[in-house]
Amino acid sequence: MTKIRVYVTYKASILDPQAQAIKNATRKMGYTAVNELKMGKYFDIDFEGRADEAKAKVAEIADQLLANPNMETYSVEVLD
């Protein structure tokens, strides 16, 4: 069993109002050094098979199902 994590975030060109609101709140709290803040989501998937095969298959799943290619980008990481 291979544990895979998929991170999905908005592309740089897409406005993320929730992240912008959090960034503004950090500034109001006095954390003026926060220049950039991004929000995202992740998926943890247990996949049978070797790590390299699992990573490739999960990347296909992410590309077709987990991320909207028009607005989002993703990365795949083997956890163990």
Protein backbone atom coordinates (compact mmCIF):
# COMPACT_ATOMS: atom_id res chain seq x y z
CA MET A 1 0.00 0.00 0.00
CA THR A 2 1.36 3.40 -0.98
CA LYS A 3 0.15 6.65 0.58
CA ILE A 4 -0.13 9.50 -1.89
CA ARG A 5 -1.03 13.13 -1.21
CA VAL A 6 -2.38 15.42 -3.92
CA TYR A 7 -2.21 19.18 -3.34
CA VAL A 8 -4.62 21.32 -5.36
CA THR A 9 -4.33 25.12 -5.50
CA TYR A 10 -5.56 27.92 -7.71
CA LYS A 11 -3.33 28.98 -10.57
CA ALA A 12 -1.49 32.26 -10.02
CA SER A 13 -3.77 34.06 -12.48
CA ILE A 14 -6.96 33.12 -10.59
CA LEU A 15 -8.28 35.43 -7.87
CA ASP A 16 -8.81 33.64 -4.56
CA PRO A 17 -11.10 35.84 -2.42
CA GLN A 18 -10.86 33.59 0.65
CA ALA A 19 -7.06 33.74 0.65
CA GLN A 20 -7.22 37.49 0.10
CA ALA A 21 -9.54 37.87 3.10
CA ILE A 22 -7.16 35.84 5.29
CA LYS A 23 -4.20 37.88 4.07
CA ASN A 24 -6.04 41.12 4.93
CA ALA A 25 -6.92 39.74 8.37
CA THR A 26 -3.27 38.91 9.08
CA ARG A 27 -2.32 42.49 8.28
CA LYS A 28 -5.02 43.80 10.65
CA MET A 29 -3.54 41.52 13.32
CA GLY A 30 -0.19 43.26 12.84
CA TYR A 31 1.54 40.67 10.65
CA THR A 32 2.55 43.11 7.94
CA ALA A 33 5.30 40.85 6.59
CA VAL A 34 2.72 38.54 4.96
CA ASN A 35 3.07 39.31 1.26
CA GLU A 36 1.41 36.32 -0.35
CA LEU A 37 -1.08 33.78 0.90
CA LYS A 38 -2.58 30.87 -1.02
CA MET A 39 -5.36 28.52 -0.07
CA GLY A 40 -5.69 24.99 -1.29
CA LYS A 41 -6.90 21.53 -0.50
CA TYR A 42 -5.30 18.13 -0.35
CA PHE A 43 -6.37 14.55 -0.85
CA ASP A 44 -4.76 11.57 0.88
CA ILE A 45 -5.10 8.38 -1.14
CA ASP A 46 -4.02 4.83 -0.23
CA PHE A 47 -3.11 3.09 -3.46
CA GLU A 48 -2.05 -0.50 -4.06
CA GLY A 49 1.12 -1.07 -5.99
CA ARG A 50 4.64 0.30 -6.23
CA ALA A 51 5.20 3.95 -5.38
CA ASP A 52 6.15 5.05 -8.91
CA GLU A 53 3.11 3.34 -10.45
CA ALA A 54 0.81 4.66 -7.74
CA LYS A 55 2.09 8.20 -8.19
CA ALA A 56 1.50 8.05 -11.94
CA LYS A 57 -2.03 6.66 -11.57
CA VAL A 58 -2.95 9.19 -8.90
CA ALA A 59 -1.63 11.98 -11.15
CA GLU A 60 -4.06 10.75 -13.83
CA ILE A 61 -6.90 10.82 -11.28
CA ALA A 62 -5.94 14.34 -10.20
CA ASP A 63 -5.76 15.53 -13.79
CA GLN A 64 -9.16 14.09 -14.70
CA LEU A 65 -11.11 14.49 -11.47
CA LEU A 66 -9.55 16.30 -8.52
CA ALA A 67 -8.36 19.54 -10.15
CA ASN A 68 -10.10 21.86 -12.58
CA PRO A 69 -7.41 22.41 -15.25
CA ASN A 70 -8.84 25.82 -16.16
CA MET A 71 -8.42 27.23 -12.66
CA GLU A 72 -6.26 24.91 -10.59
CA THR A 73 -2.91 23.21 -10.54
CA TYR A 74 -1.87 20.15 -8.56
CA SER A 75 1.16 18.30 -7.28
CA VAL A 76 1.46 14.67 -6.25
CA GLU A 77 3.65 13.48 -3.37
CA VAL A 78 4.43 9.97 -2.15
CA LEU A 79 4.17 9.96 1.65
CA ASP A 80 5.75 6.59 2.37
